[in-house]
Amino acid sequence: MRIRIVFKLENKGSFLPFHHQHILAQFLKGALVKGGRTDYIDYPDYNFSGLKGQTKISRNGLHYYSNLVTLVLSSADQMFLDYLLDQIFSFEQIDLSNLKISPLYTEIEKNPPMEEVSKFLCISPMVPIQSNGFDDQNGKRFVFPDTDEFSDLLYDSTFRRMEATGLYTDEQMASFNKFQIVPDSDYLTRIQERGKKFARIYSVFENDVKYEVRGYTLPFKLYAAKEVQEFIFNSGLGDYTFKGFGMLDIANADPTERTEKYHFSREAVAV
């Protein structure tokens, strides 16, 4: 399930770096540590977006000017999501770098019907290769998205993560043998013709050590079983999903049409 957390922006004009997943990841990990449940402190099966709102770009990053900003939080485990939301709403104010926000209310996104072919957009970059440690170069290696290697890397990551959840039988896992990613070739051509990038190097932090990985942001079609599509939609695609990488959305869908209020809000917490 996917939950939108709507925050009040307390200091308009303040900014975050263009890619600020590590700042959000640090806050969410801190909230889990604050909650005290040891089984959730290192829980890996969740995913989140960047902070969305009305922004302007400067050399410093994204300056936020809207009254409200939104974070999408997602997991197949509702108990975990409710626990994490409980910790988030225990804060009167949250400082993300120099951005100050206060949690107001939540909305739940109704899952769109999944087929065996879906077209996805990247809300945050997907990482097909893990870093093996400090100063590892392999994690930064570029792989062309239209190659079998790119699809195979994301296949391996997805099935490793699905198996680790313990939610699928051996028979189910064996039946999920269909998996192919086909990038939007027109998009890749347009991006390259305009001198823009669909793949960049991003920082990942683990125990205060910075690793560098390559993340990709592009639309693509996924051919896979519906159960695999649902897992990816709720838990992200690729590695480091619990650090905010690999969040996807359905292409050509209006997310505002599939939301309803969820029970976490400032008023509910106050009561």
C-alpha atoms as a PDB file:
ATOM      1  CA  MET A   1       0.000   0.000   0.000  1.00  0.00           C
ATOM      2  CA  ARG A   2       1.060   3.565  -0.681  1.00  0.00           C
ATOM      3  CA  ILE A   3       0.430   6.427   1.727  1.00  0.00           C
ATOM      4  CA  ARG A   4       0.859  10.122   1.024  1.00  0.00           C
ATOM      5  CA  ILE A   5       1.937  12.186   3.994  1.00  0.00           C
ATOM      6  CA  VAL A   6       0.990  15.843   3.620  1.00  0.00           C
ATOM      7  CA  PHE A   7       3.143  18.292   5.568  1.00  0.00           C
ATOM      8  CA  LYS A   8       2.819  22.004   6.237  1.00  0.00           C
ATOM      9  CA  LEU A   9       5.885  23.913   5.032  1.00  0.00           C
ATOM     10  CA  GLU A  10       6.932  26.213   7.864  1.00  0.00           C
ATOM     11  CA  ASN A  11       9.643  28.217   6.077  1.00  0.00           C
ATOM     12  CA  LYS A  12       8.858  28.962   2.439  1.00  0.00           C
ATOM     13  CA  GLY A  13      11.838  29.470   0.186  1.00  0.00           C
ATOM     14  CA  SER A  14      14.082  27.026   2.027  1.00  0.00           C
ATOM     15  CA  PHE A  15      15.740  24.334  -0.057  1.00  0.00           C
ATOM     16  CA  LEU A  16      16.842  20.746  -0.322  1.00  0.00           C
ATOM     17  CA  PRO A  17      19.432  19.252  -2.692  1.00  0.00           C
ATOM     18  CA  PHE A  18      18.050  18.044  -6.027  1.00  0.00           C
ATOM     19  CA  HIS A  19      18.446  14.465  -4.858  1.00  0.00           C
ATOM     20  CA  HIS A  20      17.650  14.439  -1.158  1.00  0.00           C
ATOM     21  CA  GLN A  21      16.768  10.795  -0.586  1.00  0.00           C
ATOM     22  CA  HIS A  22      19.668  10.396   1.848  1.00  0.00           C
ATOM     23  CA  ILE A  23      18.242  13.210   4.011  1.00  0.00           C
ATOM     24  CA  LEU A  24      14.793  11.591   4.035  1.00  0.00           C
ATOM     25  CA  ALA A  25      16.323   8.157   4.669  1.00  0.00           C
ATOM     26  CA  GLN A  26      18.232   9.501   7.660  1.00  0.00           C
ATOM     27  CA  PHE A  27      15.067  10.997   9.143  1.00  0.00           C
ATOM     28  CA  LEU A  28      12.968   7.845   8.584  1.00  0.00           C
ATOM     29  CA  LYS A  29      15.681   5.617  10.074  1.00  0.00           C
ATOM     30  CA  GLY A  30      15.855   7.969  13.059  1.00  0.00           C
ATOM     31  CA  ALA A  31      12.080   7.745  13.482  1.00  0.00           C
ATOM     32  CA  LEU A  32      12.280   3.937  13.496  1.00  0.00           C
ATOM     33  CA  VAL A  33      15.096   3.997  16.054  1.00  0.00           C
ATOM     34  CA  LYS A  34      13.069   6.428  18.172  1.00  0.00           C
ATOM     35  CA  GLY A  35      10.115   4.041  18.117  1.00  0.00           C
ATOM     36  CA  GLY A  36      12.226   1.341  19.747  1.00  0.00           C
ATOM     37  CA  ARG A  37      10.901  -1.772  17.988  1.00  0.00           C
ATOM     38  CA  THR A  38      14.044  -3.744  17.195  1.00  0.00           C
ATOM     39  CA  ASP A  39      12.345  -5.786  14.453  1.00  0.00           C
ATOM     40  CA  TYR A  40      11.613  -2.605  12.501  1.00  0.00           C
ATOM     41  CA  ILE A  41      14.859  -0.654  12.942  1.00  0.00           C
ATOM     42  CA  ASP A  42      16.520  -2.377   9.974  1.00  0.00           C
ATOM     43  CA  TYR A  43      13.331  -3.311   8.154  1.00  0.00           C
ATOM     44  CA  PRO A  44      14.080  -3.244   4.383  1.00  0.00           C
ATOM     45  CA  ASP A  45      10.706  -3.738   2.693  1.00  0.00           C
ATOM     46  CA  TYR A  46       9.564  -0.173   2.223  1.00  0.00           C
ATOM     47  CA  ASN A  47      10.072   2.629  -0.241  1.00  0.00           C
ATOM     48  CA  PHE A  48       9.559   6.376  -0.454  1.00  0.00           C
ATOM     49  CA  SER A  49       9.571   9.257  -2.927  1.00  0.00           C
ATOM     50  CA  GLY A  50      11.318  12.592  -2.888  1.00  0.00           C
ATOM     51  CA  LEU A  51       9.549  15.525  -1.254  1.00  0.00           C
ATOM     52  CA  LYS A  52       6.981  16.936  -3.689  1.00  0.00           C
ATOM     53  CA  GLY A  53       5.736  20.522  -3.797  1.00  0.00           C
ATOM     54  CA  GLN A  54       5.907  23.758  -5.763  1.00  0.00           C
ATOM     55  CA  THR A  55       9.610  24.378  -6.315  1.00  0.00           C
ATOM     56  CA  LYS A  56      12.059  26.684  -8.017  1.00  0.00           C
ATOM     57  CA  ILE A  57      15.554  25.664  -9.018  1.00  0.00           C
ATOM     58  CA  SER A  58      18.774  27.400  -7.985  1.00  0.00           C
ATOM     59  CA  ARG A  59      22.388  26.305  -7.789  1.00  0.00           C
ATOM     60  CA  ASN A  60      21.661  25.169  -4.220  1.00  0.00           C
ATOM     61  CA  GLY A  61      18.895  22.787  -5.224  1.00  0.00           C
ATOM     62  CA  LEU A  62      15.105  22.865  -4.962  1.00  0.00           C
ATOM     63  CA  HIS A  63      13.497  25.828  -3.164  1.00  0.00           C
ATOM     64  CA  TYR A  64      10.009  25.004  -1.865  1.00  0.00           C
ATOM     65  CA  TYR A  65       7.268  27.662  -2.046  1.00  0.00           C
ATOM     66  CA  SER A  66       3.973  25.787  -1.644  1.00  0.00           C
ATOM     67  CA  ASN A  67       2.058  25.788   1.635  1.00  0.00           C
ATOM     68  CA  LEU A  68       1.985  21.981   1.602  1.00  0.00           C
ATOM     69  CA  VAL A  69       4.538  19.359   0.570  1.00  0.00           C
ATOM     70  CA  THR A  70       4.016  15.636   0.133  1.00  0.00           C
ATOM     71  CA  LEU A  71       5.986  12.448   0.712  1.00  0.00           C
ATOM     72  CA  VAL A  72       4.819   9.083  -0.660  1.00  0.00           C
ATOM     73  CA  LEU A  73       5.595   6.167   1.657  1.00  0.00           C
ATOM     74  CA  SER A  74       4.998   2.620   0.474  1.00  0.00           C
ATOM     75  CA  SER A  75       5.186  -0.968   1.724  1.00  0.00           C
ATOM     76  CA  ALA A  76       3.285  -4.232   1.374  1.00  0.00           C
ATOM     77  CA  ASP A  77       3.201  -4.411   5.202  1.00  0.00           C
ATOM     78  CA  GLN A  78       0.417  -2.196   6.596  1.00  0.00           C
ATOM     79  CA  MET A  79       1.486  -2.835  10.203  1.00  0.00           C
ATOM     80  CA  PHE A  80       4.940  -1.477   9.460  1.00  0.00           C
ATOM     81  CA  LEU A  81       3.535   1.572   7.652  1.00  0.00           C
ATOM     82  CA  ASP A  82       1.181   2.387  10.522  1.00  0.00           C
ATOM     83  CA  TYR A  83       4.040   2.022  12.994  1.00  0.00           C
ATOM     84  CA  LEU A  84       6.270   4.355  10.977  1.00  0.00           C
ATOM     85  CA  LEU A  85       3.440   6.874  10.524  1.00  0.00           C
ATOM     86  CA  ASP A  86       2.872   6.820  14.270  1.00  0.00           C
ATOM     87  CA  GLN A  87       6.504   7.824  14.786  1.00  0.00           C
ATOM     88  CA  ILE A  88       6.360  10.542  12.108  1.00  0.00           C
ATOM     89  CA  PHE A  89       3.233  12.093  13.601  1.00  0.00           C
ATOM     90  CA  SER A  90       4.846  12.167  17.044  1.00  0.00           C
ATOM     91  CA  PHE A  91       6.988  15.084  15.779  1.00  0.00           C
ATOM     92  CA  GLU A  92       5.597  18.603  16.067  1.00  0.00           C
ATOM     93  CA  GLN A  93       8.181  19.771  13.546  1.00  0.00           C
ATOM     94  CA  ILE A  94      10.680  17.959  11.365  1.00  0.00           C
ATOM     95  CA  ASP A  95      13.934  19.541  10.179  1.00  0.00           C
ATOM     96  CA  LEU A  96      15.186  18.248   6.842  1.00  0.00           C
ATOM     97  CA  SER A  97      18.436  20.136   6.305  1.00  0.00           C
ATOM     98  CA  ASN A  98      17.151  23.741   6.514  1.00  0.00           C
ATOM     99  CA  LEU A  99      13.579  22.809   5.521  1.00  0.00           C
ATOM    100  CA  LYS A 100      11.069  22.793   8.381  1.00  0.00           C
ATOM    101  CA  ILE A 101       7.853  20.794   7.950  1.00  0.00           C
ATOM    102  CA  SER A 102       5.002  19.617  10.195  1.00  0.00           C
ATOM    103  CA  PRO A 103       2.885  16.497   9.483  1.00  0.00           C
ATOM    104  CA  LEU A 104      -0.800  17.310   8.867  1.00  0.00           C
ATOM    105  CA  TYR A 105      -2.691  14.362   7.390  1.00  0.00           C
ATOM    106  CA  THR A 106      -2.416  11.254   5.215  1.00  0.00           C
ATOM    107  CA  GLU A 107      -4.064   9.846   2.113  1.00  0.00           C
ATOM    108  CA  ILE A 108      -4.038   6.288   0.803  1.00  0.00           C
ATOM    109  CA  GLU A 109      -3.542   5.566  -2.879  1.00  0.00           C
ATOM    110  CA  LYS A 110      -5.788   2.859  -4.252  1.00  0.00           C
ATOM    111  CA  ASN A 111      -3.653   0.356  -6.086  1.00  0.00           C
ATOM    112  CA  PRO A 112      -4.355   0.415  -9.829  1.00  0.00           C
ATOM    113  CA  PRO A 113      -5.295  -2.928 -11.414  1.00  0.00           C
ATOM    114  CA  MET A 114      -2.150  -4.704 -12.523  1.00  0.00           C
ATOM    115  CA  GLU A 115      -1.741  -6.669 -15.728  1.00  0.00           C
ATOM    116  CA  GLU A 116       1.161  -8.734 -17.006  1.00  0.00           C
ATOM    117  CA  VAL A 117       2.352  -5.695 -18.953  1.00  0.00           C
ATOM    118  CA  SER A 118       2.627  -2.308 -17.209  1.00  0.00           C
ATOM    119  CA  LYS A 119       4.217   0.975 -18.193  1.00  0.00           C
ATOM    120  CA  PHE A 120       6.035   2.605 -15.294  1.00  0.00           C
ATOM    121  CA  LEU A 121       7.610   5.988 -14.597  1.00  0.00           C
ATOM    122  CA  CYS A 122      10.446   6.481 -12.102  1.00  0.00           C
ATOM    123  CA  ILE A 123       9.522   8.789  -9.208  1.00  0.00           C
ATOM    124  CA  SER A 124      13.026   8.248  -7.854  1.00  0.00           C
ATOM    125  CA  PRO A 125      16.087   6.722  -9.572  1.00  0.00           C
ATOM    126  CA  MET A 126      16.339   2.940  -9.727  1.00  0.00           C
ATOM    127  CA  VAL A 127      19.690   1.319  -8.928  1.00  0.00           C
ATOM    128  CA  PRO A 128      20.444  -1.990 -10.697  1.00  0.00           C
ATOM    129  CA  ILE A 129      23.907  -2.616  -9.162  1.00  0.00           C
ATOM    130  CA  GLN A 130      24.755  -2.588  -5.452  1.00  0.00           C
ATOM    131  CA  SER A 131      27.955  -1.022  -4.216  1.00  0.00           C
ATOM    132  CA  ASN A 132      30.352  -3.553  -2.696  1.00  0.00           C
ATOM    133  CA  GLY A 133      31.905  -1.056  -0.326  1.00  0.00           C
ATOM    134  CA  PHE A 134      33.730   2.223   0.002  1.00  0.00           C
ATOM    135  CA  ASP A 135      35.276   3.439  -3.279  1.00  0.00           C
ATOM    136  CA  ASP A 136      33.784   0.501  -5.194  1.00  0.00           C
ATOM    137  CA  GLN A 137      33.624   1.298  -8.905  1.00  0.00           C
ATOM    138  CA  ASN A 138      31.267  -1.472  -9.967  1.00  0.00           C
ATOM    139  CA  GLY A 139      28.245   0.211  -8.387  1.00  0.00           C
ATOM    140  CA  LYS A 140      28.837   3.215 -10.653  1.00  0.00           C
ATOM    141  CA  ARG A 141      29.157   1.178 -13.830  1.00  0.00           C
ATOM    142  CA  PHE A 142      26.879   2.300 -16.666  1.00  0.00           C
ATOM    143  CA  VAL A 143      24.648  -0.352 -18.223  1.00  0.00           C
ATOM    144  CA  PHE A 144      22.587   0.472 -21.297  1.00  0.00           C
ATOM    145  CA  PRO A 145      18.894   0.205 -20.343  1.00  0.00           C
ATOM    146  CA  ASP A 146      17.963  -1.551 -23.594  1.00  0.00           C
ATOM    147  CA  THR A 147      20.298  -4.514 -22.929  1.00  0.00           C
ATOM    148  CA  ASP A 148      19.498  -7.898 -21.426  1.00  0.00           C
ATOM    149  CA  GLU A 149      22.058  -7.196 -18.696  1.00  0.00           C
ATOM    150  CA  PHE A 150      20.054  -4.209 -17.428  1.00  0.00           C
ATOM    151  CA  SER A 151      16.862  -6.264 -17.272  1.00  0.00           C
ATOM    152  CA  ASP A 152      18.680  -9.251 -15.725  1.00  0.00           C
ATOM    153  CA  LEU A 153      20.221  -7.123 -12.962  1.00  0.00           C
ATOM    154  CA  LEU A 154      16.792  -5.797 -11.970  1.00  0.00           C
ATOM    155  CA  TYR A 155      15.330  -9.309 -12.229  1.00  0.00           C
ATOM    156  CA  ASP A 156      17.955 -10.651  -9.815  1.00  0.00           C
ATOM    157  CA  SER A 157      17.367  -7.794  -7.376  1.00  0.00           C
ATOM    158  CA  THR A 158      13.576  -8.155  -7.488  1.00  0.00           C
ATOM    159  CA  PHE A 159      13.522 -11.896  -6.943  1.00  0.00           C
ATOM    160  CA  ARG A 160      16.131 -11.747  -4.191  1.00  0.00           C
ATOM    161  CA  ARG A 161      13.990  -9.187  -2.349  1.00  0.00           C
ATOM    162  CA  MET A 162      10.724 -11.078  -2.989  1.00  0.00           C
ATOM    163  CA  GLU A 163      12.227 -14.306  -1.654  1.00  0.00           C
ATOM    164  CA  ALA A 164      13.562 -12.527   1.450  1.00  0.00           C
ATOM    165  CA  THR A 165      10.053 -11.399   2.438  1.00  0.00           C
ATOM    166  CA  GLY A 166       8.957 -15.004   3.007  1.00  0.00           C
ATOM    167  CA  LEU A 167       5.551 -14.136   1.523  1.00  0.00           C
ATOM    168  CA  TYR A 168       5.845 -16.373  -1.532  1.00  0.00           C
ATOM    169  CA  THR A 169       6.062 -20.169  -1.756  1.00  0.00           C
ATOM    170  CA  ASP A 170       8.787 -21.947  -3.708  1.00  0.00           C
ATOM    171  CA  GLU A 171       6.162 -22.884  -6.286  1.00  0.00           C
ATOM    172  CA  GLN A 172       5.130 -19.244  -6.698  1.00  0.00           C
ATOM    173  CA  MET A 173       8.712 -18.065  -6.999  1.00  0.00           C
ATOM    174  CA  ALA A 174       9.374 -20.716  -9.641  1.00  0.00           C
ATOM    175  CA  SER A 175       6.333 -19.533 -11.608  1.00  0.00           C
ATOM    176  CA  PHE A 176       7.583 -15.929 -11.693  1.00  0.00           C
ATOM    177  CA  ASN A 177      10.083 -16.686 -14.450  1.00  0.00           C
ATOM    178  CA  LYS A 178       8.805 -14.054 -16.877  1.00  0.00           C
ATOM    179  CA  PHE A 179      10.558 -10.706 -16.407  1.00  0.00           C
ATOM    180  CA  GLN A 180      11.609  -8.260 -19.091  1.00  0.00           C
ATOM    181  CA  ILE A 181      12.166  -4.499 -18.943  1.00  0.00           C
ATOM    182  CA  VAL A 182      11.779  -2.592 -22.206  1.00  0.00           C
ATOM    183  CA  PRO A 183      12.753   1.101 -21.935  1.00  0.00           C
ATOM    184  CA  ASP A 184      10.949   3.797 -23.902  1.00  0.00           C
ATOM    185  CA  SER A 185      13.395   4.238 -26.791  1.00  0.00           C
ATOM    186  CA  ASP A 186      11.790   7.500 -27.966  1.00  0.00           C
ATOM    187  CA  TYR A 187      12.313   9.002 -24.511  1.00  0.00           C
ATOM    188  CA  LEU A 188      15.956   7.931 -24.413  1.00  0.00           C
ATOM    189  CA  THR A 189      16.550   9.425 -27.868  1.00  0.00           C
ATOM    190  CA  ARG A 190      14.915  12.744 -26.921  1.00  0.00           C
ATOM    191  CA  ILE A 191      16.875  12.999 -23.679  1.00  0.00           C
ATOM    192  CA  GLN A 192      20.182  12.349 -25.411  1.00  0.00           C
ATOM    193  CA  GLU A 193      19.408  14.773 -28.265  1.00  0.00           C
ATOM    194  CA  ARG A 194      18.757  17.518 -25.706  1.00  0.00           C
ATOM    195  CA  GLY A 195      22.037  16.821 -23.919  1.00  0.00           C
ATOM    196  CA  LYS A 196      20.274  15.686 -20.748  1.00  0.00           C
ATOM    197  CA  LYS A 197      20.920  12.618 -18.617  1.00  0.00           C
ATOM    198  CA  PHE A 198      18.761   9.684 -17.590  1.00  0.00           C
ATOM    199  CA  ALA A 199      21.543   8.116 -15.469  1.00  0.00           C
ATOM    200  CA  ARG A 200      23.568   9.817 -12.729  1.00  0.00           C
ATOM    201  CA  ILE A 201      25.812   8.971  -9.807  1.00  0.00           C
ATOM    202  CA  TYR A 202      24.066   9.190  -6.420  1.00  0.00           C
ATOM    203  CA  SER A 203      25.321   8.941  -2.857  1.00  0.00           C
ATOM    204  CA  VAL A 204      24.156   6.241  -0.451  1.00  0.00           C
ATOM    205  CA  PHE A 205      25.103   6.372   3.227  1.00  0.00           C
ATOM    206  CA  GLU A 206      25.557   3.332   5.457  1.00  0.00           C
ATOM    207  CA  ASN A 207      26.914   3.718   9.002  1.00  0.00           C
ATOM    208  CA  ASP A 208      28.193   7.194   8.098  1.00  0.00           C
ATOM    209  CA  VAL A 209      30.132   5.808   5.128  1.00  0.00           C
ATOM    210  CA  LYS A 210      29.276   7.225   1.706  1.00  0.00           C
ATOM    211  CA  TYR A 211      28.921   4.875  -1.221  1.00  0.00           C
ATOM    212  CA  GLU A 212      28.284   5.909  -4.804  1.00  0.00           C
ATOM    213  CA  VAL A 213      25.892   4.121  -7.136  1.00  0.00           C
ATOM    214  CA  ARG A 214      24.387   4.802 -10.538  1.00  0.00           C
ATOM    215  CA  GLY A 215      20.672   5.477 -10.694  1.00  0.00           C
ATOM    216  CA  TYR A 216      18.433   5.562 -13.758  1.00  0.00           C
ATOM    217  CA  THR A 217      15.274   7.608 -14.315  1.00  0.00           C
ATOM    218  CA  LEU A 218      13.281   6.607 -17.383  1.00  0.00           C
ATOM    219  CA  PRO A 219       9.886   5.255 -18.460  1.00  0.00           C
ATOM    220  CA  PHE A 220       9.708   1.566 -19.367  1.00  0.00           C
ATOM    221  CA  LYS A 221       7.386  -1.368 -19.900  1.00  0.00           C
ATOM    222  CA  LEU A 222       7.626  -4.338 -17.578  1.00  0.00           C
ATOM    223  CA  TYR A 223       6.547  -7.802 -18.687  1.00  0.00           C
ATOM    224  CA  ALA A 224       6.052  -9.899 -15.548  1.00  0.00           C
ATOM    225  CA  ALA A 225       3.445 -11.745 -13.495  1.00  0.00           C
ATOM    226  CA  LYS A 226       0.852  -9.588 -11.752  1.00  0.00           C
ATOM    227  CA  GLU A 227       2.242 -10.542  -8.331  1.00  0.00           C
ATOM    228  CA  VAL A 228       5.668  -9.277  -9.387  1.00  0.00           C
ATOM    229  CA  GLN A 229       4.152  -6.054 -10.739  1.00  0.00           C
ATOM    230  CA  GLU A 230       2.316  -5.503  -7.432  1.00  0.00           C
ATOM    231  CA  PHE A 231       5.463  -6.150  -5.387  1.00  0.00           C
ATOM    232  CA  ILE A 232       7.439  -3.630  -7.440  1.00  0.00           C
ATOM    233  CA  PHE A 233       4.653  -1.025  -7.256  1.00  0.00           C
ATOM    234  CA  ASN A 234       4.517  -1.290  -3.453  1.00  0.00           C
ATOM    235  CA  SER A 235       8.155  -1.996  -2.618  1.00  0.00           C
ATOM    236  CA  GLY A 236      10.156  -0.360  -5.413  1.00  0.00           C
ATOM    237  CA  LEU A 237      12.474  -1.659  -8.113  1.00  0.00           C
ATOM    238  CA  GLY A 238      16.199  -2.283  -7.820  1.00  0.00           C
ATOM    239  CA  ASP A 239      18.493  -1.967  -4.817  1.00  0.00           C
ATOM    240  CA  TYR A 240      18.427   0.508  -1.911  1.00  0.00           C
ATOM    241  CA  THR A 241      14.645   0.867  -2.103  1.00  0.00           C
ATOM    242  CA  PHE A 242      14.548   1.376   1.697  1.00  0.00           C
ATOM    243  CA  LYS A 243      16.793   4.380   1.111  1.00  0.00           C
ATOM    244  CA  GLY A 244      14.331   5.965  -1.301  1.00  0.00           C
ATOM    245  CA  PHE A 245      15.511   4.581  -4.624  1.00  0.00           C
ATOM    246  CA  GLY A 246      13.393   2.850  -7.242  1.00  0.00           C
ATOM    247  CA  MET A 247       9.927   4.249  -6.475  1.00  0.00           C
ATOM    248  CA  LEU A 248       7.671   3.895  -9.507  1.00  0.00           C
ATOM    249  CA  ASP A 249       4.258   5.043 -10.665  1.00  0.00           C
ATOM    250  CA  ILE A 250       1.970   3.935 -13.466  1.00  0.00           C
ATOM    251  CA  ALA A 251       2.397   5.975 -16.653  1.00  0.00           C
ATOM    252  CA  ASN A 252      -0.542   8.033 -17.941  1.00  0.00           C
ATOM    253  CA  ALA A 253      -2.419   7.705 -14.652  1.00  0.00           C
ATOM    254  CA  ASP A 254      -3.772  10.605 -12.603  1.00  0.00           C
ATOM    255  CA  PRO A 255      -2.837   9.778  -8.991  1.00  0.00           C
ATOM    256  CA  THR A 256      -5.264  12.402  -7.651  1.00  0.00           C
ATOM    257  CA  GLU A 257      -8.147  10.260  -8.881  1.00  0.00           C
ATOM    258  CA  ARG A 258      -7.213   7.248  -6.788  1.00  0.00           C
ATOM    259  CA  THR A 259      -6.781   8.633  -3.283  1.00  0.00           C
ATOM    260  CA  GLU A 260      -8.885   8.686  -0.151  1.00  0.00           C
ATOM    261  CA  LYS A 261      -8.209   9.872   3.369  1.00  0.00           C
ATOM    262  CA  TYR A 262      -6.183   7.673   5.680  1.00  0.00           C
ATOM    263  CA  HIS A 263      -6.613   7.701   9.454  1.00  0.00           C
ATOM    264  CA  PHE A 264      -3.370   9.425  10.480  1.00  0.00           C
ATOM    265  CA  SER A 265      -3.721  13.183  10.912  1.00  0.00           C
ATOM    266  CA  ARG A 266      -2.601  15.919  13.289  1.00  0.00           C
ATOM    267  CA  GLU A 267      -6.141  16.102  14.696  1.00  0.00           C
ATOM    268  CA  ALA A 268      -6.296  12.355  15.268  1.00  0.00           C
ATOM    269  CA  VAL A 269      -2.947  12.355  17.034  1.00  0.00           C
ATOM    270  CA  ALA A 270      -3.989  15.321  19.184  1.00  0.00           C
ATOM    271  CA  VAL A 271      -7.085  13.459  20.327  1.00  0.00           C
END
